[in-house]
Amino acid sequence: MGASGAQLTPLASGWRACLPGTRFVAPDAPMHHRYGHQWFSTEGNPLDPERIQSAREAFDELINRAVRHEGFADAHDRVSFVGISQGAIVALDAVASGRWKVGALVSFSGLLAPQPVSPASNSTPVLLVHGENDATIPPMASRLAAAQLGTAGFKVELDLELGIGHTVSSAGSQKALSFLKKTLQ
């Protein structure tokens, strides 16, 4: 909460040499927050169905625009979602709801909002990376998401990191890079 797309630049910079020809786009979430941007407010019930619907609409609009701008409107299999915290939540929702069938999805410290999981996008491979010491979103959230997605036929990898909190660790970044190299080739 309260991050910006620019904060993903170091992650993309570290991956760029290993993923030649890859374009990286890190848009800001649409809602302003005192520390940056957010996809939805965490006040009250952040998983309220109306908030989920509003976040879906904002996500789809923003991502459709980015995908078209980068020339991948007809090549979603060459698009990957990488999200952290709220970005992971909206990316997981986009794929699990069946709205987006993309080449890969990496979720750092995310969760899957309560919803039926559609098998429509189950060809999208998913990597869930979560710190065991995450006090913001408990690691059980990624365990549950892995089980829900697996039941719907998704190929899911779950990496729970000992001693890591609500962040992207160096080891988690390397795991995600390996996953993307493997799934996108």
Protein backbone atom coordinates (compact mmCIF):
# COMPACT_ATOMS: atom_id res chain seq x y z
CA MET A 1 0.00 0.00 0.00
CA GLY A 2 1.27 3.38 -0.88
CA ALA A 3 3.90 2.31 -3.39
CA SER A 4 4.60 3.47 -6.92
CA GLY A 5 5.35 1.65 -10.14
CA ALA A 6 8.78 3.26 -10.16
CA GLN A 7 9.68 1.26 -7.06
CA LEU A 8 9.72 -1.84 -9.28
CA THR A 9 12.46 -0.35 -11.47
CA PRO A 10 15.32 -2.01 -9.52
CA LEU A 11 13.63 -5.39 -9.93
CA ALA A 12 13.23 -4.87 -13.68
CA SER A 13 16.79 -3.56 -13.97
CA GLY A 14 18.13 -6.68 -12.30
CA TRP A 15 16.15 -8.95 -14.64
CA ARG A 16 16.74 -7.02 -17.89
CA ALA A 17 20.09 -8.67 -18.75
CA CYS A 18 18.66 -12.18 -18.22
CA LEU A 19 15.46 -11.48 -20.17
CA PRO A 20 16.76 -9.78 -23.33
CA GLY A 21 14.14 -8.23 -25.55
CA THR A 22 11.69 -8.00 -22.67
CA ARG A 23 9.78 -4.79 -22.11
CA PHE A 24 9.02 -3.78 -18.53
CA VAL A 25 6.04 -1.60 -17.68
CA ALA A 26 5.30 -0.69 -14.06
CA PRO A 27 2.20 1.50 -13.90
CA ASP A 28 1.08 3.30 -10.79
CA ALA A 29 -2.10 2.06 -9.14
CA PRO A 30 -4.94 4.51 -9.84
CA MET A 31 -5.78 5.66 -6.29
CA HIS A 32 -3.63 8.17 -4.46
CA HIS A 33 -2.30 7.29 -1.04
CA ARG A 34 -0.22 9.46 1.27
CA TYR A 35 2.82 7.27 0.49
CA GLY A 36 2.19 6.87 -3.25
CA HIS A 37 -0.60 4.90 -4.91
CA GLN A 38 -2.92 2.01 -4.14
CA TRP A 39 -5.37 -0.23 -6.00
CA PHE A 40 -8.00 -0.07 -3.26
CA SER A 41 -8.45 1.44 0.18
CA THR A 42 -7.52 -0.71 3.15
CA GLU A 43 -9.90 1.22 5.41
CA GLY A 44 -12.87 -0.84 6.58
CA ASN A 45 -13.25 -4.07 4.58
CA PRO A 46 -10.71 -4.05 1.73
CA LEU A 47 -12.27 -7.24 0.29
CA ASP A 48 -15.76 -5.74 -0.01
CA PRO A 49 -17.24 -6.97 -3.35
CA GLU A 50 -17.82 -3.38 -4.50
CA ARG A 51 -14.14 -2.54 -3.89
CA ILE A 52 -13.08 -5.68 -5.73
CA GLN A 53 -15.26 -4.71 -8.71
CA SER A 54 -13.89 -1.17 -8.72
CA ALA A 55 -10.30 -2.45 -8.54
CA ARG A 56 -11.05 -4.89 -11.40
CA GLU A 57 -12.31 -2.12 -13.64
CA ALA A 58 -9.32 0.11 -12.87
CA PHE A 59 -6.85 -2.77 -13.35
CA ASP A 60 -8.38 -3.88 -16.66
CA GLU A 61 -8.45 -0.34 -18.03
CA LEU A 62 -4.86 0.42 -17.01
CA ILE A 63 -3.44 -2.92 -18.14
CA ASN A 64 -5.37 -2.95 -21.43
CA ARG A 65 -3.93 0.49 -22.20
CA ALA A 66 -0.37 -0.65 -21.36
CA VAL A 67 -0.71 -3.89 -23.34
CA ARG A 68 -2.00 -2.02 -26.39
CA HIS A 69 0.71 0.65 -26.07
CA GLU A 70 3.44 -2.02 -25.97
CA GLY A 71 1.96 -3.88 -28.99
CA PHE A 72 0.73 -7.01 -27.20
CA ALA A 73 -3.04 -6.60 -27.62
CA ASP A 74 -3.17 -9.85 -29.58
CA ALA A 75 -0.34 -11.60 -27.74
CA HIS A 76 -1.38 -11.94 -24.09
CA ASP A 77 0.60 -15.19 -23.92
CA ARG A 78 3.71 -12.98 -24.13
CA VAL A 79 2.59 -10.81 -21.20
CA SER A 80 3.51 -11.53 -17.58
CA PHE A 81 2.08 -10.00 -14.46
CA VAL A 82 4.44 -9.42 -11.54
CA GLY A 83 2.80 -7.88 -8.50
CA ILE A 84 3.74 -7.06 -4.95
CA SER A 85 1.14 -6.80 -2.15
CA GLN A 86 -1.88 -4.98 -3.62
CA GLY A 87 -0.42 -5.37 -7.12
CA ALA A 88 -0.23 -9.12 -6.50
CA ILE A 89 -3.82 -9.15 -5.23
CA VAL A 90 -5.24 -7.46 -8.35
CA ALA A 91 -3.07 -9.57 -10.69
CA LEU A 92 -4.15 -12.80 -8.97
CA ASP A 93 -7.77 -11.66 -9.20
CA ALA A 94 -7.41 -10.86 -12.91
CA VAL A 95 -6.13 -14.34 -13.72
CA ALA A 96 -8.23 -16.33 -11.22
CA SER A 97 -11.45 -14.66 -12.38
CA GLY A 98 -10.70 -15.70 -15.97
CA ARG A 99 -10.48 -12.11 -17.23
CA TRP A 100 -6.79 -12.37 -18.18
CA LYS A 101 -5.04 -15.37 -19.71
CA VAL A 102 -1.38 -14.34 -19.74
CA GLY A 103 1.99 -16.03 -20.18
CA ALA A 104 2.90 -16.03 -16.46
CA LEU A 105 2.00 -14.54 -13.10
CA VAL A 106 4.34 -13.84 -10.18
CA SER A 107 2.78 -12.82 -6.87
CA PHE A 108 4.95 -11.45 -4.05
CA SER A 109 3.15 -11.21 -0.68
CA GLY A 110 -0.33 -11.37 -2.17
CA LEU A 111 -3.64 -13.04 -1.59
CA LEU A 112 -6.58 -14.23 -3.62
CA ALA A 113 -9.78 -12.37 -2.82
CA PRO A 114 -12.70 -14.65 -1.89
CA GLN A 115 -14.20 -15.71 -5.20
CA PRO A 116 -14.78 -18.76 -7.32
CA VAL A 117 -11.68 -19.51 -9.38
CA SER A 118 -12.39 -19.83 -13.09
CA PRO A 119 -10.50 -22.46 -15.08
CA ALA A 120 -10.66 -20.11 -18.12
CA SER A 121 -7.09 -18.88 -17.53
CA ASN A 122 -5.60 -22.04 -16.01
CA SER A 123 -2.95 -22.28 -18.70
CA THR A 124 -1.26 -19.32 -16.98
CA PRO A 125 1.57 -20.65 -14.78
CA VAL A 126 1.66 -19.01 -11.35
CA LEU A 127 4.48 -18.45 -8.86
CA LEU A 128 3.54 -17.35 -5.34
CA VAL A 129 6.43 -16.01 -3.23
CA HIS A 130 5.67 -15.09 0.36
CA GLY A 131 7.74 -14.36 3.43
CA GLU A 132 7.03 -16.55 6.45
CA ASN A 133 7.41 -13.46 8.67
CA ASP A 134 4.97 -11.28 6.71
CA ALA A 135 2.92 -9.35 9.27
CA THR A 136 0.91 -7.43 6.63
CA ILE A 137 -0.51 -10.36 4.64
CA PRO A 138 0.00 -13.69 6.42
CA PRO A 139 1.77 -16.39 4.39
CA MET A 140 -1.30 -18.59 4.83
CA ALA A 141 -2.89 -16.37 2.16
CA SER A 142 -0.48 -17.68 -0.48
CA ARG A 143 -0.95 -21.26 0.76
CA LEU A 144 -4.72 -20.87 0.32
CA ALA A 145 -4.31 -19.23 -3.10
CA ALA A 146 -2.06 -22.10 -4.24
CA ALA A 147 -4.68 -24.64 -3.15
CA GLN A 148 -7.55 -22.75 -4.81
CA LEU A 149 -5.67 -22.25 -8.07
CA GLY A 150 -4.42 -25.84 -8.09
CA THR A 151 -7.97 -27.14 -7.68
CA ALA A 152 -8.95 -25.12 -10.77
CA GLY A 153 -6.16 -26.75 -12.80
CA PHE A 154 -3.51 -24.04 -12.60
CA LYS A 155 0.15 -25.03 -12.49
CA VAL A 156 1.25 -23.31 -9.28
CA GLU A 157 4.61 -23.03 -7.56
CA LEU A 158 4.67 -21.82 -3.96
CA ASP A 159 7.85 -20.49 -2.35
CA LEU A 160 7.58 -19.59 1.35
CA GLU A 161 10.71 -17.80 2.54
CA LEU A 162 11.96 -18.24 6.07
CA GLY A 163 12.88 -15.04 7.90
CA ILE A 164 11.37 -12.74 5.26
CA GLY A 165 8.60 -10.20 5.86
CA HIS A 166 6.37 -8.21 3.51
CA THR A 167 8.95 -7.52 0.82
CA VAL A 168 10.76 -8.92 -2.20
CA SER A 169 13.95 -10.64 -1.08
CA SER A 170 16.98 -11.22 -3.25
CA ALA A 171 16.25 -14.96 -3.23
CA GLY A 172 12.60 -14.31 -4.12
CA SER A 173 13.65 -12.08 -6.99
CA GLN A 174 15.97 -14.81 -8.32
CA LYS A 175 13.23 -17.44 -7.98
CA ALA A 176 10.87 -15.19 -9.96
CA LEU A 177 13.50 -14.57 -12.63
CA SER A 178 14.09 -18.31 -13.06
CA PHE A 179 10.34 -18.90 -13.21
CA LEU A 180 9.86 -16.23 -15.88
CA LYS A 181 12.80 -17.50 -17.95
CA LYS A 182 11.37 -21.02 -17.81
CA THR A 183 7.76 -20.09 -18.57
CA LEU A 184 8.32 -17.47 -21.23
CA GLN A 185 10.63 -19.45 -23.46
